[in-house]
Amino acid sequence: MSCIRQGDDEACGELSLDQLLSFHRAMLLIRAMEERLGELVAAGEVPGAVHLSIGQEAVAVGVCAHLSDDDWIASTHRGHGHFLAKGGSPSAMASEVLGRASGSCGGKGGSMHVADIERGMLGANGIVGGGIGIAVGAAWSMQLAGNDRVAVAFFGDGGANQGVVAEALNLAALWKLPLLLVCENNGYSEFSRSDAVTAGGIAERAHPFGVPSVRIDGNDVVQVWRAAREAVGRSRRGEGPTFIEALTYRHRGHVETEKSFLSRAYRTDDEVEQWQARDPIPRFAAQLAERGVERAKLAELAESVDAEVARVWIDAIARPEPDRRAAFSQMID
């Protein structure tokens, strides 16, 4: 973690205090949005399946901190955090998840397909690994256009076992595409432990293709930021792709309703508690406090986020559903 000096915008020459606080606020926003979403799922207010990224916020925030609206990302079925970290509107996301006409996709996509093309969010994807090929195509288009934009593919450890990963590494290495492959390894492929379905190290899969790779603590937002800075910088300089494996953990189930159909638990309470002790948000807050940021300021920041999120969901619930005729209209001309 970079050191922070009270009253000084410098953070060991890397990050300003304002940047660090923006990371903290972004993680708080993702967490609060998803916690409220979980409550709405339990109340039967949300159509379709919902997969929360609670516990994984540092990966989305650390990577997307280096991206502008002109850079593109492709996400997973657990994509709310990526959407918000990329600058997507909380109101548009809430409306989309609830199937409202004011949603980012007009209420047609739902939780697993949040997207915002104007913000460079090409969409979450219900198909495991489905966003990887999309990101490769986006990276190729950027290269053909001759600009310094980059594309990022987020996927999980389950997605890492899809054949498209090898295809993406092969093409990206051959053509030196401006591509960042980010594996959010949360230790589980749905309900199966990763070590039961995944052979070898995921980060090492990039080595035969000559693609630089790194395994990092995905619950440390600054460590994620540093790894992404190097990777994005390489791509912008035309030096090709990078593979990042970020070790993290989801505090909630694979899907919010899983207890209604699972006959037995697939992880222990002790395991969950051990990972919750490494929660990226209180962990980062403690680091900020140790380095001079007043706890009152952190509490004020959390309260402001909670108030914003409460307003967002209240407003979204009150929004109208799409007209039936909208089912036959295109979202993009």
Protein backbone atom coordinates (compact mmCIF):
# COMPACT_ATOMS: atom_id res chain seq x y z
CA MET A 1 0.00 0.00 0.00
CA SER A 2 1.36 3.42 -0.89
CA CYS A 3 1.90 5.74 2.06
CA ILE A 4 -0.37 8.73 2.60
CA ARG A 5 0.72 11.99 4.16
CA GLN A 6 -1.93 14.08 5.94
CA GLY A 7 -2.56 17.35 4.16
CA ASP A 8 -0.44 16.37 1.16
CA ASP A 9 -1.75 15.33 -2.24
CA GLU A 10 1.25 13.09 -2.78
CA ALA A 11 1.02 9.39 -1.93
CA CYS A 12 4.60 8.17 -2.40
CA GLY A 13 4.56 9.79 -5.84
CA GLU A 14 1.84 7.43 -7.08
CA LEU A 15 -1.62 8.35 -5.84
CA SER A 16 -3.13 11.50 -4.38
CA LEU A 17 -5.31 11.41 -1.31
CA ASP A 18 -8.27 12.38 -3.49
CA GLN A 19 -7.61 9.38 -5.74
CA LEU A 20 -7.41 7.02 -2.79
CA LEU A 21 -10.65 8.35 -1.36
CA SER A 22 -12.27 7.99 -4.77
CA PHE A 23 -11.26 4.31 -4.76
CA HIS A 24 -12.85 3.91 -1.34
CA ARG A 25 -16.04 5.66 -2.41
CA ALA A 26 -16.30 3.55 -5.57
CA MET A 27 -16.00 0.32 -3.57
CA LEU A 28 -18.56 1.58 -1.04
CA LEU A 29 -20.97 2.42 -3.88
CA ILE A 30 -20.70 -1.04 -5.44
CA ARG A 31 -21.15 -2.70 -2.05
CA ALA A 32 -24.16 -0.60 -1.03
CA MET A 33 -25.86 -1.02 -4.43
CA GLU A 34 -25.51 -4.80 -4.27
CA GLU A 35 -26.48 -5.16 -0.63
CA ARG A 36 -29.75 -3.37 -1.34
CA LEU A 37 -30.20 -5.45 -4.48
CA GLY A 38 -29.81 -8.60 -2.39
CA GLU A 39 -32.58 -7.39 -0.09
CA LEU A 40 -34.87 -6.78 -3.06
CA VAL A 41 -34.17 -10.27 -4.41
CA ALA A 42 -35.12 -11.77 -1.05
CA ALA A 43 -38.33 -9.72 -1.13
CA GLY A 44 -39.23 -11.09 -4.57
CA GLU A 45 -38.93 -7.72 -6.30
CA VAL A 46 -36.32 -8.65 -8.93
CA PRO A 47 -36.97 -10.73 -12.07
CA GLY A 48 -34.38 -13.29 -13.09
CA ALA A 49 -31.21 -14.57 -11.50
CA VAL A 50 -28.88 -12.19 -9.64
CA HIS A 51 -25.16 -12.78 -8.98
CA LEU A 52 -23.51 -10.35 -6.57
CA SER A 53 -19.83 -9.36 -6.45
CA ILE A 54 -19.79 -8.43 -2.75
CA GLY A 55 -16.19 -8.98 -1.61
CA GLN A 56 -14.68 -8.50 -5.06
CA GLU A 57 -15.03 -4.73 -5.41
CA ALA A 58 -11.30 -3.95 -5.37
CA VAL A 59 -10.67 -5.69 -8.70
CA ALA A 60 -13.22 -3.66 -10.65
CA VAL A 61 -12.21 -0.37 -9.05
CA GLY A 62 -8.44 -0.90 -9.32
CA VAL A 63 -8.57 -1.81 -13.00
CA CYS A 64 -11.17 0.70 -14.18
CA ALA A 65 -9.35 3.57 -12.46
CA HIS A 66 -7.00 3.53 -15.47
CA LEU A 67 -9.73 3.56 -18.10
CA SER A 68 -11.64 6.34 -19.82
CA ASP A 69 -14.98 6.23 -21.59
CA ASP A 70 -13.05 5.54 -24.80
CA ASP A 71 -11.65 2.27 -23.44
CA TRP A 72 -13.87 -0.80 -23.54
CA ILE A 73 -14.59 -3.57 -21.08
CA ALA A 74 -16.57 -6.80 -21.32
CA SER A 75 -17.91 -8.38 -18.16
CA THR A 76 -19.47 -11.50 -16.66
CA HIS A 77 -22.80 -12.53 -15.16
CA ARG A 78 -21.39 -10.93 -11.96
CA GLY A 79 -20.99 -7.56 -13.63
CA HIS A 80 -22.63 -4.85 -11.52
CA GLY A 81 -19.30 -3.81 -10.01
CA HIS A 82 -17.62 -3.53 -13.41
CA PHE A 83 -20.54 -1.45 -14.72
CA LEU A 84 -20.34 1.00 -11.81
CA ALA A 85 -16.54 1.15 -11.69
CA LYS A 86 -16.50 2.00 -15.41
CA GLY A 87 -18.71 5.01 -14.70
CA GLY A 88 -22.13 3.54 -15.37
CA SER A 89 -25.07 5.31 -13.75
CA PRO A 90 -26.32 3.70 -10.52
CA SER A 91 -29.84 4.80 -11.44
CA ALA A 92 -29.62 3.25 -14.89
CA MET A 93 -28.27 0.03 -13.41
CA ALA A 94 -30.96 -0.20 -10.74
CA SER A 95 -33.69 0.41 -13.31
CA GLU A 96 -32.20 -2.20 -15.64
CA VAL A 97 -31.99 -4.88 -12.95
CA LEU A 98 -35.62 -4.21 -12.05
CA GLY A 99 -36.69 -4.37 -15.71
CA ARG A 100 -37.72 -0.73 -15.97
CA ALA A 101 -37.89 1.28 -19.18
CA SER A 102 -35.33 3.75 -17.82
CA GLY A 103 -32.71 1.02 -17.45
CA SER A 104 -29.39 1.12 -19.26
CA CYS A 105 -30.77 -1.40 -21.79
CA GLY A 106 -34.37 -0.30 -21.59
CA GLY A 107 -35.14 -3.04 -19.08
CA LYS A 108 -34.39 -5.76 -21.65
CA GLY A 109 -31.12 -7.09 -20.24
CA GLY A 110 -31.64 -7.40 -16.53
CA SER A 111 -28.96 -8.21 -13.97
CA MET A 112 -26.75 -10.37 -16.20
CA HIS A 113 -26.65 -7.99 -19.16
CA VAL A 114 -26.06 -4.48 -17.84
CA ALA A 115 -24.31 -2.39 -20.48
CA ASP A 116 -23.52 1.22 -21.33
CA ILE A 117 -21.80 1.71 -24.69
CA GLU A 118 -21.23 5.42 -24.10
CA ARG A 119 -19.19 4.58 -21.01
CA GLY A 120 -17.28 1.83 -22.78
CA MET A 121 -19.11 -0.95 -20.96
CA LEU A 122 -19.84 -3.49 -23.71
CA GLY A 123 -21.98 -5.50 -21.36
CA ALA A 124 -22.16 -8.21 -18.76
CA ASN A 125 -22.72 -11.67 -20.18
CA GLY A 126 -24.72 -14.66 -18.99
CA ILE A 127 -22.46 -17.02 -20.97
CA VAL A 128 -19.38 -18.09 -18.99
CA GLY A 129 -16.40 -16.55 -20.75
CA GLY A 130 -18.71 -14.92 -23.27
CA GLY A 131 -17.16 -11.48 -22.92
CA ILE A 132 -13.60 -12.59 -23.70
CA GLY A 133 -14.03 -12.87 -27.47
CA ILE A 134 -15.94 -9.58 -27.49
CA ALA A 135 -13.01 -7.84 -25.79
CA VAL A 136 -10.58 -9.35 -28.31
CA GLY A 137 -12.66 -7.94 -31.15
CA ALA A 138 -12.79 -4.57 -29.42
CA ALA A 139 -9.00 -4.57 -28.98
CA TRP A 140 -8.50 -5.43 -32.64
CA SER A 141 -10.78 -2.59 -33.74
CA MET A 142 -8.76 -0.18 -31.60
CA GLN A 143 -5.53 -1.39 -33.13
CA LEU A 144 -6.93 -1.02 -36.66
CA ALA A 145 -8.05 2.52 -35.81
CA GLY A 146 -4.50 3.35 -34.77
CA ASN A 147 -5.38 4.84 -31.39
CA ASP A 148 -4.06 4.06 -27.91
CA ARG A 149 -7.30 2.73 -26.47
CA VAL A 150 -7.42 -0.61 -24.63
CA ALA A 151 -9.94 -3.37 -24.03
CA VAL A 152 -10.38 -5.36 -20.84
CA ALA A 153 -12.01 -8.76 -20.46
CA PHE A 154 -13.15 -9.66 -16.94
CA PHE A 155 -13.84 -13.34 -16.28
CA GLY A 156 -13.82 -15.77 -13.38
CA ASP A 157 -11.80 -18.87 -12.60
CA GLY A 158 -14.57 -20.92 -14.20
CA GLY A 159 -14.32 -18.81 -17.33
CA ALA A 160 -10.57 -19.40 -17.37
CA ASN A 161 -11.32 -23.02 -18.33
CA GLN A 162 -13.14 -22.01 -21.50
CA GLY A 163 -11.33 -22.60 -24.79
CA VAL A 164 -11.81 -18.98 -25.80
CA VAL A 165 -9.11 -17.99 -23.29
CA ALA A 166 -6.45 -19.86 -25.30
CA GLU A 167 -7.80 -18.42 -28.54
CA ALA A 168 -7.73 -14.91 -27.06
CA LEU A 169 -4.16 -15.32 -25.81
CA ASN A 170 -3.04 -16.66 -29.17
CA LEU A 171 -4.51 -13.85 -31.27
CA ALA A 172 -3.61 -11.12 -28.81
CA ALA A 173 0.00 -12.32 -28.65
CA LEU A 174 0.35 -12.70 -32.44
CA TRP A 175 -1.13 -9.30 -33.22
CA LYS A 176 0.07 -7.49 -30.06
CA LEU A 177 -3.48 -6.45 -29.30
CA PRO A 178 -4.14 -3.79 -26.62
CA LEU A 179 -5.92 -6.33 -24.41
CA LEU A 180 -5.98 -6.90 -20.67
CA LEU A 181 -7.30 -10.28 -19.50
CA VAL A 182 -8.40 -10.10 -15.87
CA CYS A 183 -9.32 -13.34 -14.12
CA GLU A 184 -11.21 -12.75 -10.88
CA ASN A 185 -10.32 -15.99 -9.12
CA ASN A 186 -12.79 -16.24 -6.24
CA GLY A 187 -12.03 -19.90 -5.60
CA TYR A 188 -15.27 -21.35 -6.92
CA SER A 189 -16.77 -22.28 -10.27
CA GLU A 190 -20.43 -21.95 -9.34
CA PHE A 191 -20.69 -24.58 -6.57
CA SER A 192 -17.41 -26.41 -7.18
CA ARG A 193 -14.07 -25.55 -5.62
CA SER A 194 -11.66 -24.33 -8.26
CA ASP A 195 -8.98 -26.81 -7.25
CA ALA A 196 -11.41 -29.62 -8.07
CA VAL A 197 -12.04 -28.44 -11.63
CA THR A 198 -8.96 -26.39 -12.56
CA ALA A 199 -5.51 -27.88 -13.15
CA GLY A 200 -2.36 -25.86 -12.59
CA GLY A 201 -2.03 -22.13 -12.08
CA ILE A 202 -4.35 -19.89 -14.06
CA ALA A 203 -1.84 -17.05 -14.48
CA GLU A 204 0.72 -19.49 -15.91
CA ARG A 205 -1.57 -20.26 -18.84
CA ALA A 206 -0.35 -17.09 -20.53
CA HIS A 207 3.30 -18.19 -20.54
CA PRO A 208 3.28 -20.51 -23.61
CA PHE A 209 1.95 -17.59 -25.65
CA GLY A 210 4.66 -15.23 -24.43
CA VAL A 211 2.09 -13.02 -22.70
CA PRO A 212 3.22 -11.39 -19.44
CA SER A 213 1.13 -12.48 -16.46
CA VAL A 214 0.92 -11.79 -12.76
CA ARG A 215 -0.99 -13.18 -9.78
CA ILE A 216 -2.04 -10.52 -7.26
CA ASP A 217 -4.07 -9.97 -4.11
CA GLY A 218 -7.39 -8.97 -5.60
CA ASN A 219 -8.60 -7.66 -2.24
CA ASP A 220 -5.96 -4.92 -2.18
CA VAL A 221 -7.22 -2.11 -4.40
CA VAL A 222 -3.84 -0.40 -4.65
CA GLN A 223 -2.08 -3.63 -5.63
CA VAL A 224 -4.73 -4.12 -8.32
CA TRP A 225 -4.26 -0.50 -9.44
CA ARG A 226 -0.50 -0.98 -9.74
CA ALA A 227 -0.78 -4.20 -11.76
CA ALA A 228 -3.38 -2.65 -14.05
CA ARG A 229 -1.27 0.49 -14.49
CA GLU A 230 1.61 -1.56 -15.88
CA ALA A 231 -0.66 -3.68 -18.06
CA VAL A 232 -2.65 -0.77 -19.48
CA GLY A 233 0.56 1.15 -20.07
CA ARG A 234 2.01 -1.75 -22.08
CA SER A 235 -1.09 -1.91 -24.25
CA ARG A 236 -1.20 1.82 -24.87
CA ARG A 237 2.43 1.71 -25.98
CA GLY A 238 1.62 -1.02 -28.49
CA GLU A 239 3.44 -3.75 -26.57
CA GLY A 240 0.54 -6.19 -26.52
CA PRO A 241 -1.62 -8.00 -23.96
CA THR A 242 -1.24 -8.81 -20.26
CA PHE A 243 -2.90 -11.46 -18.11
CA ILE A 244 -3.79 -10.68 -14.48
CA GLU A 245 -5.08 -13.27 -12.03
CA ALA A 246 -6.61 -11.49 -9.04
CA LEU A 247 -7.22 -13.69 -6.00
CA THR A 248 -10.45 -12.67 -4.30
CA TYR A 249 -13.63 -14.13 -2.78
CA ARG A 250 -17.36 -13.64 -3.06
CA HIS A 251 -19.05 -13.28 0.32
CA ARG A 252 -22.45 -14.26 -1.05
CA GLY A 253 -23.50 -17.36 -2.91
CA HIS A 254 -23.00 -18.02 -6.59
CA VAL A 255 -26.56 -16.84 -7.13
CA GLU A 256 -28.79 -15.13 -4.59
CA THR A 257 -31.49 -17.81 -4.56
CA GLU A 258 -29.18 -20.81 -4.30
CA LYS A 259 -30.33 -21.86 -0.83
CA SER A 260 -33.74 -22.63 -2.29
CA PHE A 261 -32.37 -25.49 -4.43
CA LEU A 262 -29.03 -26.60 -2.92
CA SER A 263 -29.26 -29.72 -0.78
CA ARG A 264 -25.98 -29.08 1.05
CA ALA A 265 -23.46 -26.34 1.68
CA TYR A 266 -20.41 -26.27 -0.59
CA ARG A 267 -18.21 -24.08 1.61
CA THR A 268 -17.73 -23.84 5.35
CA ASP A 269 -18.64 -20.97 7.66
CA ASP A 270 -15.01 -20.83 8.79
CA GLU A 271 -13.82 -20.32 5.23
CA VAL A 272 -16.29 -17.51 4.61
CA GLU A 273 -15.35 -15.82 7.89
CA GLN A 274 -11.65 -16.03 7.09
CA TRP A 275 -12.17 -14.29 3.79
CA GLN A 276 -14.55 -11.72 5.28
CA ALA A 277 -11.68 -10.76 7.59
CA ARG A 278 -9.84 -9.79 4.39
CA ASP A 279 -12.77 -7.74 3.10
CA PRO A 280 -11.25 -5.12 0.75
CA ILE A 281 -13.40 -2.24 2.02
CA PRO A 282 -12.77 -2.20 5.81
CA ARG A 283 -9.21 -3.31 5.08
CA PHE A 284 -8.61 -0.24 2.91
CA ALA A 285 -10.47 2.03 5.35
CA ALA A 286 -8.17 0.85 8.15
CA GLN A 287 -5.12 1.56 5.99
CA LEU A 288 -6.41 5.05 5.24
CA ALA A 289 -7.08 5.70 8.92
CA GLU A 290 -3.63 4.46 9.94
CA ARG A 291 -2.10 6.95 7.56
CA GLY A 292 -3.94 9.99 8.82
CA VAL A 293 -7.39 10.05 7.26
CA GLU A 294 -9.87 10.85 10.00
CA ARG A 295 -12.40 8.12 10.72
CA ALA A 296 -15.09 10.78 10.86
CA LYS A 297 -14.32 11.61 7.23
CA LEU A 298 -14.59 7.95 6.27
CA ALA A 299 -17.88 7.61 8.14
CA GLU A 300 -19.22 10.73 6.42
CA LEU A 301 -18.24 9.28 3.05
CA ALA A 302 -20.03 6.00 3.81
CA GLU A 303 -23.16 7.84 4.97
CA SER A 304 -23.29 9.91 1.80
CA VAL A 305 -23.01 6.77 -0.34
CA ASP A 306 -25.75 5.01 1.64
CA ALA A 307 -28.05 8.01 1.22
CA GLU A 308 -27.40 8.13 -2.52
CA VAL A 309 -28.04 4.41 -2.93
CA ALA A 310 -31.28 4.57 -0.94
CA ARG A 311 -32.56 7.31 -3.27
CA VAL A 312 -31.47 5.39 -6.36
CA TRP A 313 -33.42 2.23 -5.51
CA ILE A 314 -36.52 4.09 -4.31
CA ASP A 315 -36.59 6.01 -7.59
CA ALA A 316 -35.96 2.89 -9.69
CA ILE A 317 -38.78 0.95 -8.05
CA ALA A 318 -41.18 3.78 -8.88
CA ARG A 319 -40.18 3.85 -12.54
CA PRO A 320 -42.54 2.37 -15.17
CA GLU A 321 -41.96 -0.93 -16.92
CA PRO A 322 -41.35 -0.85 -20.70
CA ASP A 323 -44.27 -0.71 -23.09
CA ARG A 324 -44.86 -4.13 -24.65
CA ARG A 325 -44.12 -2.69 -28.09
CA ALA A 326 -40.56 -1.95 -26.93
CA ALA A 327 -39.83 -5.68 -27.25
CA PHE A 328 -39.66 -5.15 -31.02
CA SER A 329 -37.52 -2.01 -30.98
CA GLN A 330 -33.73 -1.85 -31.28
CA MET A 331 -31.62 -0.42 -28.49
CA ILE A 332 -28.86 0.71 -30.85
CA ASP A 333 -29.46 2.08 -34.36
